[in-house]
Amino acid sequence: MNVKIDELMGRIQGLELELEAEFSKQSAELRYGLEHGRVAFEEEILRRHRELKTRLSRYILNAKPLVVLTAPFIYSLIVPLVLLDIFVSLYQAVCFPAYGLEKVKRSEYLVFDRGHLAYLNMLEKLNCAYCSYANGLIAYVREIAGRTEAYWCPIKHARKAIGAHEKYRDFVAFGDAQAYRKRIEELEKAAQKK
């Protein structure tokens, strides 16, 4: 990789750390923290959250008809999502040890903490859990696919790949045959050590 790309990647990583620090400041301002892995709010904040909660009956009665009509389409996706979860987890369990790849920890991608928010009613909490599962699962699948691609084909595309995974940054340039062969040799040696 050239020096300019290394420099830019270092700056991006620095900005990501700075952004994470700002998120931490924001959570301190909203006066919550984690206690034994659970979200904990100050009692005054919890009281205000409860006051802002929309009753379930009012939430349903105020729903737009088109939103209600599309709900079955949204929730029907649970079937392919669960199947994807099962098959990708099975793929990883069988193939990653054979490739010498580190397994992706599913629990790091599926985060269900919004159910602790006192300002959400039960339906809103269900919707949040559904979205957390769907988006967490897609991130989990993407990481598994990214590690697979990094193992089998670590070559950048000729065109810009929108939404490329983090490992893509380390792929060799499109058309750089020598760098590709060298990278494949490195991967094979690394796999043999495991």
N, C-alpha and C. Protein backbone atom coordinates (compact mmCIF):
# COMPACT_ATOMS: atom_id res chain seq x y z
N MET A 1 0.85 -1.17 0.00
CA MET A 1 0.00 0.00 0.00
C MET A 1 0.90 1.24 0.00
N ASN A 2 0.45 2.30 -0.64
CA ASN A 2 1.32 3.46 -0.68
C ASN A 2 1.18 4.31 0.59
N VAL A 3 2.15 5.17 0.80
CA VAL A 3 2.27 5.96 2.02
C VAL A 3 1.06 6.88 2.20
N LYS A 4 0.61 7.50 1.12
CA LYS A 4 -0.53 8.42 1.20
C LYS A 4 -1.79 7.69 1.68
N ILE A 5 -2.03 6.48 1.16
CA ILE A 5 -3.20 5.70 1.57
C ILE A 5 -3.08 5.33 3.05
N ASP A 6 -1.87 4.91 3.46
CA ASP A 6 -1.65 4.59 4.88
C ASP A 6 -1.93 5.80 5.77
N GLU A 7 -1.49 6.96 5.34
CA GLU A 7 -1.70 8.19 6.10
C GLU A 7 -3.19 8.51 6.21
N LEU A 8 -3.90 8.42 5.10
CA LEU A 8 -5.35 8.70 5.09
C LEU A 8 -6.10 7.71 5.99
N MET A 9 -5.72 6.43 5.92
CA MET A 9 -6.37 5.43 6.76
C MET A 9 -6.12 5.71 8.24
N GLY A 10 -4.93 6.15 8.57
CA GLY A 10 -4.61 6.52 9.95
C GLY A 10 -5.47 7.68 10.43
N ARG A 11 -5.67 8.67 9.56
CA ARG A 11 -6.51 9.81 9.92
C ARG A 11 -7.96 9.38 10.11
N ILE A 12 -8.44 8.48 9.24
CA ILE A 12 -9.82 7.97 9.37
C ILE A 12 -9.99 7.25 10.70
N GLN A 13 -9.03 6.41 11.06
CA GLN A 13 -9.11 5.69 12.33
C GLN A 13 -9.10 6.66 13.51
N GLY A 14 -8.29 7.73 13.40
CA GLY A 14 -8.26 8.75 14.45
C GLY A 14 -9.61 9.44 14.58
N LEU A 15 -10.24 9.76 13.45
CA LEU A 15 -11.56 10.38 13.47
C LEU A 15 -12.61 9.44 14.06
N GLU A 16 -12.51 8.15 13.76
CA GLU A 16 -13.45 7.17 14.32
C GLU A 16 -13.33 7.12 15.84
N LEU A 17 -12.10 7.18 16.35
CA LEU A 17 -11.89 7.20 17.81
C LEU A 17 -12.46 8.48 18.42
N GLU A 18 -12.25 9.60 17.74
CA GLU A 18 -12.78 10.89 18.20
C GLU A 18 -14.31 10.86 18.23
N LEU A 19 -14.92 10.26 17.21
CA LEU A 19 -16.38 10.13 17.15
C LEU A 19 -16.89 9.27 18.31
N GLU A 20 -16.20 8.18 18.59
CA GLU A 20 -16.59 7.29 19.69
C GLU A 20 -16.51 8.04 21.03
N ALA A 21 -15.50 8.89 21.19
CA ALA A 21 -15.38 9.70 22.42
C ALA A 21 -16.55 10.66 22.55
N GLU A 22 -16.99 11.24 21.43
CA GLU A 22 -18.14 12.15 21.46
C GLU A 22 -19.42 11.41 21.82
N PHE A 23 -19.58 10.18 21.31
CA PHE A 23 -20.74 9.37 21.70
C PHE A 23 -20.73 9.09 23.19
N SER A 24 -19.56 8.85 23.74
CA SER A 24 -19.45 8.61 25.19
C SER A 24 -19.84 9.85 25.98
N LYS A 25 -19.42 11.02 25.50
CA LYS A 25 -19.81 12.27 26.17
C LYS A 25 -21.33 12.44 26.13
N GLN A 26 -21.92 12.11 25.00
CA GLN A 26 -23.37 12.25 24.84
C GLN A 26 -24.10 11.34 25.82
N SER A 27 -23.64 10.10 25.97
CA SER A 27 -24.31 9.21 26.92
C SER A 27 -24.16 9.72 28.34
N ALA A 28 -23.06 10.37 28.66
CA ALA A 28 -22.89 10.95 30.00
C ALA A 28 -23.87 12.11 30.18
N GLU A 29 -24.08 12.91 29.13
CA GLU A 29 -25.03 14.03 29.20
C GLU A 29 -26.46 13.53 29.38
N LEU A 30 -26.77 12.38 28.79
CA LEU A 30 -28.11 11.81 28.92
C LEU A 30 -28.25 11.01 30.22
N ARG A 31 -27.20 11.00 30.99
CA ARG A 31 -27.14 10.43 32.35
C ARG A 31 -27.58 8.98 32.40
N TYR A 32 -26.89 8.18 31.64
CA TYR A 32 -27.06 6.73 31.76
C TYR A 32 -25.69 6.07 31.69
N GLY A 33 -25.65 4.88 32.17
CA GLY A 33 -24.42 4.11 32.13
C GLY A 33 -24.75 2.63 32.10
N LEU A 34 -23.72 1.82 32.08
CA LEU A 34 -23.91 0.38 32.09
C LEU A 34 -23.49 -0.15 33.46
N GLU A 35 -24.38 -0.90 34.06
CA GLU A 35 -24.10 -1.55 35.34
C GLU A 35 -24.31 -3.04 35.16
N HIS A 36 -23.23 -3.82 35.25
CA HIS A 36 -23.28 -5.27 35.06
C HIS A 36 -23.90 -5.62 33.71
N GLY A 37 -23.55 -4.83 32.67
CA GLY A 37 -24.03 -5.10 31.33
C GLY A 37 -25.44 -4.60 31.04
N ARG A 38 -26.09 -3.99 32.01
CA ARG A 38 -27.44 -3.46 31.81
C ARG A 38 -27.41 -1.94 31.82
N VAL A 39 -28.29 -1.34 31.04
CA VAL A 39 -28.40 0.11 31.00
C VAL A 39 -29.07 0.60 32.28
N ALA A 40 -28.50 1.64 32.85
CA ALA A 40 -29.07 2.21 34.08
C ALA A 40 -29.18 3.73 33.92
N PHE A 41 -30.40 4.24 34.12
CA PHE A 41 -30.65 5.68 34.09
C PHE A 41 -30.81 6.19 35.51
N GLU A 42 -30.55 7.47 35.69
CA GLU A 42 -30.85 8.09 36.97
C GLU A 42 -32.36 8.09 37.15
N GLU A 43 -32.82 8.05 38.40
CA GLU A 43 -34.25 7.94 38.70
C GLU A 43 -35.05 9.10 38.11
N GLU A 44 -34.53 10.31 38.17
CA GLU A 44 -35.23 11.48 37.61
C GLU A 44 -35.41 11.33 36.10
N ILE A 45 -34.39 10.84 35.41
CA ILE A 45 -34.48 10.63 33.97
C ILE A 45 -35.53 9.55 33.67
N LEU A 46 -35.52 8.48 34.44
CA LEU A 46 -36.52 7.42 34.26
C LEU A 46 -37.94 7.96 34.43
N ARG A 47 -38.14 8.80 35.42
CA ARG A 47 -39.46 9.38 35.66
C ARG A 47 -39.91 10.20 34.44
N ARG A 48 -39.01 11.01 33.90
CA ARG A 48 -39.35 11.82 32.73
C ARG A 48 -39.61 10.93 31.50
N HIS A 49 -38.85 9.87 31.38
CA HIS A 49 -39.08 8.93 30.26
C HIS A 49 -40.47 8.33 30.35
N ARG A 50 -40.87 7.91 31.53
CA ARG A 50 -42.20 7.30 31.70
C ARG A 50 -43.30 8.29 31.34
N GLU A 51 -43.09 9.56 31.64
CA GLU A 51 -44.08 10.59 31.31
C GLU A 51 -44.22 10.76 29.79
N LEU A 52 -43.18 10.50 29.05
CA LEU A 52 -43.19 10.67 27.59
C LEU A 52 -43.65 9.42 26.84
N LYS A 53 -43.95 8.38 27.55
CA LYS A 53 -44.37 7.12 26.92
C LYS A 53 -45.78 7.28 26.33
N THR A 54 -45.97 6.84 25.09
CA THR A 54 -47.28 6.86 24.44
C THR A 54 -47.98 5.55 24.76
N ARG A 55 -49.20 5.65 25.29
CA ARG A 55 -49.95 4.44 25.61
C ARG A 55 -50.15 3.61 24.35
N LEU A 56 -50.12 2.29 24.51
CA LEU A 56 -50.21 1.37 23.39
C LEU A 56 -51.49 1.59 22.58
N SER A 57 -52.62 1.75 23.27
CA SER A 57 -53.90 1.95 22.57
C SER A 57 -53.87 3.21 21.72
N ARG A 58 -53.32 4.28 22.26
CA ARG A 58 -53.23 5.54 21.52
C ARG A 58 -52.26 5.40 20.34
N TYR A 59 -51.18 4.69 20.56
CA TYR A 59 -50.18 4.47 19.52
C TYR A 59 -50.82 3.73 18.33
N ILE A 60 -51.59 2.69 18.63
CA ILE A 60 -52.24 1.90 17.57
C ILE A 60 -53.33 2.70 16.87
N LEU A 61 -54.16 3.40 17.65
CA LEU A 61 -55.26 4.18 17.07
C LEU A 61 -54.76 5.33 16.20
N ASN A 62 -53.59 5.86 16.51
CA ASN A 62 -53.03 6.99 15.75
C ASN A 62 -52.15 6.54 14.58
N ALA A 63 -51.99 5.24 14.42
CA ALA A 63 -51.14 4.73 13.33
C ALA A 63 -51.78 5.01 11.98
N LYS A 64 -50.97 5.35 11.01
CA LYS A 64 -51.45 5.58 9.65
C LYS A 64 -51.91 4.25 9.07
N PRO A 65 -53.03 4.22 8.35
CA PRO A 65 -53.53 2.97 7.77
C PRO A 65 -52.50 2.24 6.90
N LEU A 66 -51.74 2.98 6.10
CA LEU A 66 -50.73 2.34 5.26
C LEU A 66 -49.63 1.68 6.08
N VAL A 67 -49.32 2.26 7.23
CA VAL A 67 -48.32 1.66 8.12
C VAL A 67 -48.85 0.33 8.65
N VAL A 68 -50.11 0.32 9.04
CA VAL A 68 -50.73 -0.91 9.55
C VAL A 68 -50.76 -1.97 8.45
N LEU A 69 -51.10 -1.56 7.23
CA LEU A 69 -51.18 -2.51 6.11
C LEU A 69 -49.82 -3.10 5.72
N THR A 70 -48.75 -2.34 5.92
CA THR A 70 -47.43 -2.84 5.54
C THR A 70 -46.79 -3.69 6.64
N ALA A 71 -47.32 -3.66 7.85
CA ALA A 71 -46.73 -4.41 8.96
C ALA A 71 -46.54 -5.90 8.66
N PRO A 72 -47.53 -6.58 8.05
CA PRO A 72 -47.30 -8.00 7.74
C PRO A 72 -46.11 -8.24 6.80
N PHE A 73 -45.87 -7.31 5.88
CA PHE A 73 -44.73 -7.45 4.97
C PHE A 73 -43.42 -7.33 5.73
N ILE A 74 -43.38 -6.35 6.63
CA ILE A 74 -42.17 -6.16 7.44
C ILE A 74 -41.90 -7.40 8.29
N TYR A 75 -42.91 -7.83 9.03
CA TYR A 75 -42.71 -8.94 9.96
C TYR A 75 -42.55 -10.29 9.26
N SER A 76 -43.02 -10.42 8.02
CA SER A 76 -42.83 -11.68 7.30
C SER A 76 -41.35 -11.93 6.98
N LEU A 77 -40.55 -10.89 7.00
CA LEU A 77 -39.12 -11.05 6.74
C LEU A 77 -38.40 -11.82 7.85
N ILE A 78 -39.06 -12.03 8.98
CA ILE A 78 -38.42 -12.76 10.07
C ILE A 78 -38.03 -14.16 9.63
N VAL A 79 -38.83 -14.78 8.76
CA VAL A 79 -38.54 -16.15 8.30
C VAL A 79 -37.22 -16.20 7.53
N PRO A 80 -37.04 -15.41 6.46
CA PRO A 80 -35.75 -15.47 5.77
C PRO A 80 -34.58 -14.99 6.63
N LEU A 81 -34.85 -14.05 7.53
CA LEU A 81 -33.77 -13.58 8.41
C LEU A 81 -33.28 -14.69 9.33
N VAL A 82 -34.21 -15.42 9.93
CA VAL A 82 -33.83 -16.53 10.82
C VAL A 82 -33.11 -17.63 10.01
N LEU A 83 -33.61 -17.91 8.82
CA LEU A 83 -32.94 -18.91 7.97
C LEU A 83 -31.52 -18.45 7.60
N LEU A 84 -31.38 -17.18 7.27
CA LEU A 84 -30.06 -16.62 6.97
C LEU A 84 -29.14 -16.77 8.18
N ASP A 85 -29.65 -16.44 9.34
CA ASP A 85 -28.90 -16.56 10.59
C ASP A 85 -28.40 -17.99 10.78
N ILE A 86 -29.28 -18.94 10.62
CA ILE A 86 -28.94 -20.36 10.81
C ILE A 86 -27.88 -20.81 9.79
N PHE A 87 -28.12 -20.52 8.51
CA PHE A 87 -27.22 -21.00 7.47
C PHE A 87 -25.85 -20.33 7.53
N VAL A 88 -25.81 -19.03 7.80
CA VAL A 88 -24.52 -18.34 7.86
C VAL A 88 -23.74 -18.79 9.10
N SER A 89 -24.44 -19.00 10.21
CA SER A 89 -23.76 -19.49 11.41
C SER A 89 -23.21 -20.89 11.19
N LEU A 90 -23.97 -21.72 10.50
CA LEU A 90 -23.53 -23.07 10.17
C LEU A 90 -22.33 -23.03 9.22
N TYR A 91 -22.42 -22.17 8.21
CA TYR A 91 -21.30 -22.00 7.27
C TYR A 91 -20.03 -21.63 8.02
N GLN A 92 -20.14 -20.65 8.91
CA GLN A 92 -18.97 -20.20 9.66
C GLN A 92 -18.42 -21.33 10.54
N ALA A 93 -19.31 -22.06 11.21
CA ALA A 93 -18.87 -23.15 12.10
C ALA A 93 -18.13 -24.24 11.34
N VAL A 94 -18.53 -24.51 10.11
CA VAL A 94 -17.91 -25.58 9.31
C VAL A 94 -16.67 -25.08 8.58
N CYS A 95 -16.77 -23.91 7.93
CA CYS A 95 -15.73 -23.47 7.01
C CYS A 95 -14.60 -22.66 7.65
N PHE A 96 -14.90 -21.80 8.60
CA PHE A 96 -13.85 -20.95 9.15
C PHE A 96 -12.71 -21.75 9.78
N PRO A 97 -12.99 -22.81 10.54
CA PRO A 97 -11.86 -23.59 11.06
C PRO A 97 -11.00 -24.19 9.93
N ALA A 98 -11.64 -24.61 8.84
CA ALA A 98 -10.90 -25.16 7.70
C ALA A 98 -10.01 -24.11 7.04
N TYR A 99 -10.46 -22.85 7.03
CA TYR A 99 -9.70 -21.77 6.41
C TYR A 99 -8.70 -21.14 7.37
N GLY A 100 -8.80 -21.49 8.65
CA GLY A 100 -7.93 -20.88 9.65
C GLY A 100 -8.35 -19.46 9.99
N LEU A 101 -9.64 -19.15 9.79
CA LEU A 101 -10.16 -17.80 10.07
C LEU A 101 -10.75 -17.73 11.47
N GLU A 102 -10.56 -16.59 12.09
CA GLU A 102 -11.16 -16.35 13.40
C GLU A 102 -12.67 -16.20 13.23
N LYS A 103 -13.43 -16.86 14.10
CA LYS A 103 -14.89 -16.80 14.00
C LYS A 103 -15.41 -15.44 14.46
N VAL A 104 -16.52 -15.04 13.87
CA VAL A 104 -17.21 -13.81 14.22
C VAL A 104 -18.12 -14.11 15.40
N LYS A 105 -18.04 -13.28 16.43
CA LYS A 105 -18.88 -13.48 17.61
C LYS A 105 -20.25 -12.85 17.36
N ARG A 106 -21.22 -13.70 17.18
CA ARG A 106 -22.59 -13.27 16.89
C ARG A 106 -23.11 -12.30 17.95
N SER A 107 -22.81 -12.57 19.20
CA SER A 107 -23.32 -11.77 20.32
C SER A 107 -22.84 -10.32 20.28
N GLU A 108 -21.74 -10.06 19.58
CA GLU A 108 -21.25 -8.69 19.47
C GLU A 108 -22.05 -7.88 18.45
N TYR A 109 -22.80 -8.56 17.62
CA TYR A 109 -23.56 -7.88 16.57
C TYR A 109 -25.04 -7.75 16.89
N LEU A 110 -25.56 -8.65 17.70
CA LEU A 110 -26.98 -8.61 18.05
C LEU A 110 -27.12 -7.95 19.42
N VAL A 111 -27.53 -6.71 19.41
CA VAL A 111 -27.64 -5.90 20.62
C VAL A 111 -29.10 -5.56 20.86
N PHE A 112 -29.61 -5.96 22.01
CA PHE A 112 -31.02 -5.72 22.34
C PHE A 112 -31.11 -4.92 23.64
N ASP A 113 -30.77 -3.64 23.57
CA ASP A 113 -30.81 -2.82 24.78
C ASP A 113 -31.93 -1.78 24.78
N ARG A 114 -32.61 -1.58 23.67
CA ARG A 114 -33.65 -0.56 23.60
C ARG A 114 -34.87 -0.92 24.43
N GLY A 115 -35.02 -2.18 24.79
CA GLY A 115 -36.13 -2.61 25.64
C GLY A 115 -36.05 -2.02 27.03
N HIS A 116 -34.92 -1.42 27.40
CA HIS A 116 -34.76 -0.78 28.70
C HIS A 116 -35.24 0.67 28.71
N LEU A 117 -35.66 1.16 27.56
CA LEU A 117 -36.09 2.56 27.47
C LEU A 117 -37.54 2.68 27.95
N ALA A 118 -37.72 3.43 29.02
CA ALA A 118 -39.04 3.56 29.64
C ALA A 118 -40.01 4.39 28.81
N TYR A 119 -39.54 5.14 27.82
CA TYR A 119 -40.44 5.96 27.01
C TYR A 119 -41.01 5.20 25.81
N LEU A 120 -40.67 3.93 25.68
CA LEU A 120 -41.23 3.11 24.60
C LEU A 120 -42.33 2.21 25.13
N ASN A 121 -43.44 2.08 24.37
CA ASN A 121 -44.48 1.13 24.77
C ASN A 121 -44.08 -0.26 24.25
N MET A 122 -44.89 -1.26 24.53
CA MET A 122 -44.53 -2.63 24.18
C MET A 122 -44.37 -2.84 22.67
N LEU A 123 -45.22 -2.23 21.86
CA LEU A 123 -45.12 -2.38 20.42
C LEU A 123 -43.85 -1.70 19.89
N GLU A 124 -43.56 -0.53 20.42
CA GLU A 124 -42.33 0.15 20.02
C GLU A 124 -41.10 -0.68 20.41
N LYS A 125 -41.14 -1.30 21.58
CA LYS A 125 -40.03 -2.16 22.01
C LYS A 125 -39.90 -3.37 21.10
N LEU A 126 -41.04 -3.95 20.71
CA LEU A 126 -41.01 -5.08 19.77
C LEU A 126 -40.41 -4.65 18.44
N ASN A 127 -40.85 -3.50 17.94
CA ASN A 127 -40.31 -2.98 16.67
C ASN A 127 -38.80 -2.74 16.78
N CYS A 128 -38.37 -2.18 17.90
CA CYS A 128 -36.93 -1.94 18.10
C CYS A 128 -36.16 -3.25 18.16
N ALA A 129 -36.72 -4.26 18.83
CA ALA A 129 -36.05 -5.57 18.90
C ALA A 129 -35.94 -6.18 17.51
N TYR A 130 -37.00 -6.05 16.72
CA TYR A 130 -37.00 -6.58 15.36
C TYR A 130 -35.92 -5.90 14.51
N CYS A 131 -35.87 -4.57 14.58
CA CYS A 131 -34.87 -3.83 13.81
C CYS A 131 -33.46 -4.14 14.30
N SER A 132 -33.29 -4.28 15.61
CA SER A 132 -31.98 -4.63 16.16
C SER A 132 -31.53 -5.99 15.63
N TYR A 133 -32.47 -6.94 15.60
CA TYR A 133 -32.13 -8.27 15.10
C TYR A 133 -31.77 -8.21 13.62
N ALA A 134 -32.61 -7.57 12.82
CA ALA A 134 -32.37 -7.52 11.38
C ALA A 134 -31.06 -6.82 11.05
N ASN A 135 -30.83 -5.66 11.61
CA ASN A 135 -29.61 -4.91 11.29
C ASN A 135 -28.37 -5.55 11.91
N GLY A 136 -28.50 -6.07 13.12
CA GLY A 136 -27.38 -6.77 13.75
C GLY A 136 -27.02 -8.02 12.96
N LEU A 137 -28.03 -8.75 12.52
CA LEU A 137 -27.79 -9.96 11.72
C LEU A 137 -27.09 -9.61 10.41
N ILE A 138 -27.56 -8.57 9.74
CA ILE A 138 -26.93 -8.18 8.47
C ILE A 138 -25.47 -7.77 8.70
N ALA A 139 -25.20 -7.08 9.80
CA ALA A 139 -23.81 -6.72 10.12
C ALA A 139 -22.96 -7.96 10.39
N TYR A 140 -23.54 -8.92 11.12
CA TYR A 140 -22.88 -10.20 11.42
C TYR A 140 -22.59 -10.96 10.11
N VAL A 141 -23.57 -11.05 9.25
CA VAL A 141 -23.41 -11.72 7.96
C VAL A 141 -22.36 -11.00 7.11
N ARG A 142 -22.40 -9.69 7.13
CA ARG A 142 -21.45 -8.90 6.36
C ARG A 142 -20.02 -9.15 6.84
N GLU A 143 -19.84 -9.25 8.15
CA GLU A 143 -18.50 -9.51 8.68
C GLU A 143 -18.01 -10.90 8.26
N ILE A 144 -18.89 -11.88 8.31
CA ILE A 144 -18.52 -13.23 7.87
C ILE A 144 -18.19 -13.22 6.39
N ALA A 145 -19.01 -12.56 5.59
CA ALA A 145 -18.75 -12.47 4.15
C ALA A 145 -17.46 -11.70 3.88
N GLY A 146 -17.22 -10.64 4.66
CA GLY A 146 -15.99 -9.86 4.49
C GLY A 146 -14.74 -10.68 4.80
N ARG A 147 -14.80 -11.47 5.88
CA ARG A 147 -13.65 -12.32 6.20
C ARG A 147 -13.45 -13.40 5.13
N THR A 148 -14.56 -13.89 4.59
CA THR A 148 -14.46 -14.89 3.52
C THR A 148 -13.83 -14.26 2.28
N GLU A 149 -14.30 -13.08 1.91
CA GLU A 149 -13.74 -12.40 0.74
C GLU A 149 -12.27 -12.07 0.95
N ALA A 150 -11.90 -11.64 2.16
CA ALA A 150 -10.50 -11.33 2.44
C ALA A 150 -9.61 -12.57 2.31
N TYR A 151 -10.19 -13.73 2.58
CA TYR A 151 -9.44 -14.98 2.46
C TYR A 151 -9.33 -15.45 1.00
N TRP A 152 -10.45 -15.40 0.27
CA TRP A 152 -10.49 -15.97 -1.07
C TRP A 152 -10.15 -14.99 -2.18
N CYS A 153 -10.50 -13.72 -2.02
CA CYS A 153 -10.34 -12.79 -3.14
C CYS A 153 -10.09 -11.36 -2.64
N PRO A 154 -8.93 -11.12 -2.03
CA PRO A 154 -8.66 -9.79 -1.47
C PRO A 154 -8.20 -8.77 -2.52
N ILE A 155 -9.05 -8.55 -3.51
CA ILE A 155 -8.74 -7.61 -4.59
C ILE A 155 -9.82 -6.52 -4.62
N LYS A 156 -9.39 -5.27 -4.67
CA LYS A 156 -10.35 -4.18 -4.80
C LYS A 156 -11.01 -4.26 -6.18
N HIS A 157 -12.20 -3.70 -6.29
CA HIS A 157 -12.89 -3.63 -7.58
C HIS A 157 -12.34 -2.47 -8.40
N ALA A 158 -12.54 -2.53 -9.69
CA ALA A 158 -12.13 -1.44 -10.57
C ALA A 158 -13.00 -0.21 -10.32
N ARG A 159 -14.29 -0.45 -10.06
CA ARG A 159 -15.24 0.64 -9.74
C ARG A 159 -15.33 0.79 -8.23
N LYS A 160 -15.83 1.93 -7.80
CA LYS A 160 -16.04 2.16 -6.37
C LYS A 160 -17.13 1.21 -5.88
N ALA A 161 -16.83 0.48 -4.82
CA ALA A 161 -17.79 -0.44 -4.21
C ALA A 161 -18.49 0.30 -3.07
N ILE A 162 -19.76 0.59 -3.22
CA ILE A 162 -20.51 1.33 -2.20
C ILE A 162 -20.73 0.43 -1.00
N GLY A 163 -20.44 0.96 0.19
CA GLY A 163 -20.68 0.22 1.42
C GLY A 163 -19.72 -0.94 1.64
N ALA A 164 -18.51 -0.82 1.14
CA ALA A 164 -17.53 -1.90 1.31
C ALA A 164 -17.22 -2.11 2.79
N HIS A 165 -16.97 -3.36 3.17
CA HIS A 165 -16.66 -3.70 4.56
C HIS A 165 -15.26 -3.21 4.93
N GLU A 166 -14.96 -3.23 6.23
CA GLU A 166 -13.69 -2.69 6.72
C GLU A 166 -12.47 -3.39 6.15
N LYS A 167 -12.55 -4.68 5.93
CA LYS A 167 -11.40 -5.43 5.44
C LYS A 167 -11.03 -5.03 4.00
N TYR A 168 -11.98 -4.44 3.30
CA TYR A 168 -11.76 -4.05 1.91
C TYR A 168 -10.59 -3.06 1.78
N ARG A 169 -10.40 -2.25 2.80
CA ARG A 169 -9.31 -1.26 2.77
C ARG A 169 -7.95 -1.92 2.56
N ASP A 170 -7.80 -3.14 3.07
CA ASP A 170 -6.52 -3.84 3.00
C ASP A 170 -6.37 -4.70 1.74
N PHE A 171 -7.36 -4.72 0.90
CA PHE A 171 -7.28 -5.52 -0.32
C PHE A 171 -6.26 -4.90 -1.27
N VAL A 172 -5.74 -5.72 -2.16
CA VAL A 172 -4.75 -5.22 -3.13
C VAL A 172 -5.48 -4.49 -4.26
N ALA A 173 -4.75 -3.63 -4.92
CA ALA A 173 -5.33 -2.83 -6.01
C ALA A 173 -5.73 -3.73 -7.18
N PHE A 174 -6.81 -3.36 -7.81
CA PHE A 174 -7.30 -4.05 -9.00
C PHE A 174 -6.21 -4.00 -10.06
N GLY A 175 -5.86 -5.16 -10.61
CA GLY A 175 -4.85 -5.22 -11.66
C GLY A 175 -3.42 -5.41 -11.17
N ASP A 176 -3.19 -5.38 -9.85
CA ASP A 176 -1.84 -5.57 -9.31
C ASP A 176 -1.62 -7.05 -9.02
N ALA A 177 -1.25 -7.80 -10.08
CA ALA A 177 -1.11 -9.26 -10.00
C ALA A 177 -0.05 -9.69 -9.00
N GLN A 178 1.08 -8.98 -8.95
CA GLN A 178 2.15 -9.35 -8.02
C GLN A 178 1.69 -9.21 -6.58
N ALA A 179 1.04 -8.11 -6.28
CA ALA A 179 0.56 -7.89 -4.91
C ALA A 179 -0.47 -8.95 -4.52
N TYR A 180 -1.30 -9.36 -5.49
CA TYR A 180 -2.29 -10.40 -5.21
C TYR A 180 -1.62 -11.72 -4.86
N ARG A 181 -0.67 -12.15 -5.69
CA ARG A 181 0.02 -13.42 -5.43
C ARG A 181 0.75 -13.38 -4.09
N LYS A 182 1.35 -12.26 -3.78
CA LYS A 182 2.06 -12.11 -2.49
C LYS A 182 1.05 -12.21 -1.34
N ARG A 183 -0.09 -11.55 -1.49
CA ARG A 183 -1.12 -11.57 -0.43
C ARG A 183 -1.66 -12.99 -0.22
N ILE A 184 -1.88 -13.73 -1.29
CA ILE A 184 -2.36 -15.11 -1.19
C ILE A 184 -1.34 -15.97 -0.45
N GLU A 185 -0.06 -15.80 -0.76
CA GLU A 185 1.00 -16.54 -0.06
C GLU A 185 0.98 -16.22 1.44
N GLU A 186 0.82 -14.93 1.78
CA GLU A 186 0.76 -14.52 3.18
C GLU A 186 -0.41 -15.18 3.90
N LEU A 187 -1.57 -15.20 3.23
CA LEU A 187 -2.76 -15.81 3.82
C LEU A 187 -2.57 -17.30 4.03
N GLU A 188 -1.96 -17.97 3.06
CA GLU A 188 -1.73 -19.42 3.19
C GLU A 188 -0.77 -19.72 4.33
N LYS A 189 0.28 -18.92 4.47
CA LYS A 189 1.23 -19.12 5.58
C LYS A 189 0.55 -18.87 6.92
N ALA A 190 -0.25 -17.83 6.99
CA ALA A 190 -0.98 -17.52 8.24
C ALA A 190 -1.93 -18.65 8.61
N ALA A 191 -2.61 -19.22 7.62
CA ALA A 191 -3.56 -20.31 7.87
C ALA A 191 -2.83 -21.57 8.35
N GLN A 192 -1.63 -21.81 7.83
CA GLN A 192 -0.86 -22.98 8.24
C GLN A 192 -0.40 -22.89 9.69
N LYS A 193 -0.18 -21.68 10.18
CA LYS A 193 0.26 -21.46 11.55
C LYS A 193 -0.84 -21.75 12.56
N LYS A 194 -2.09 -21.70 12.11
CA LYS A 194 -3.24 -21.86 13.03
C LYS A 194 -3.59 -23.31 13.21
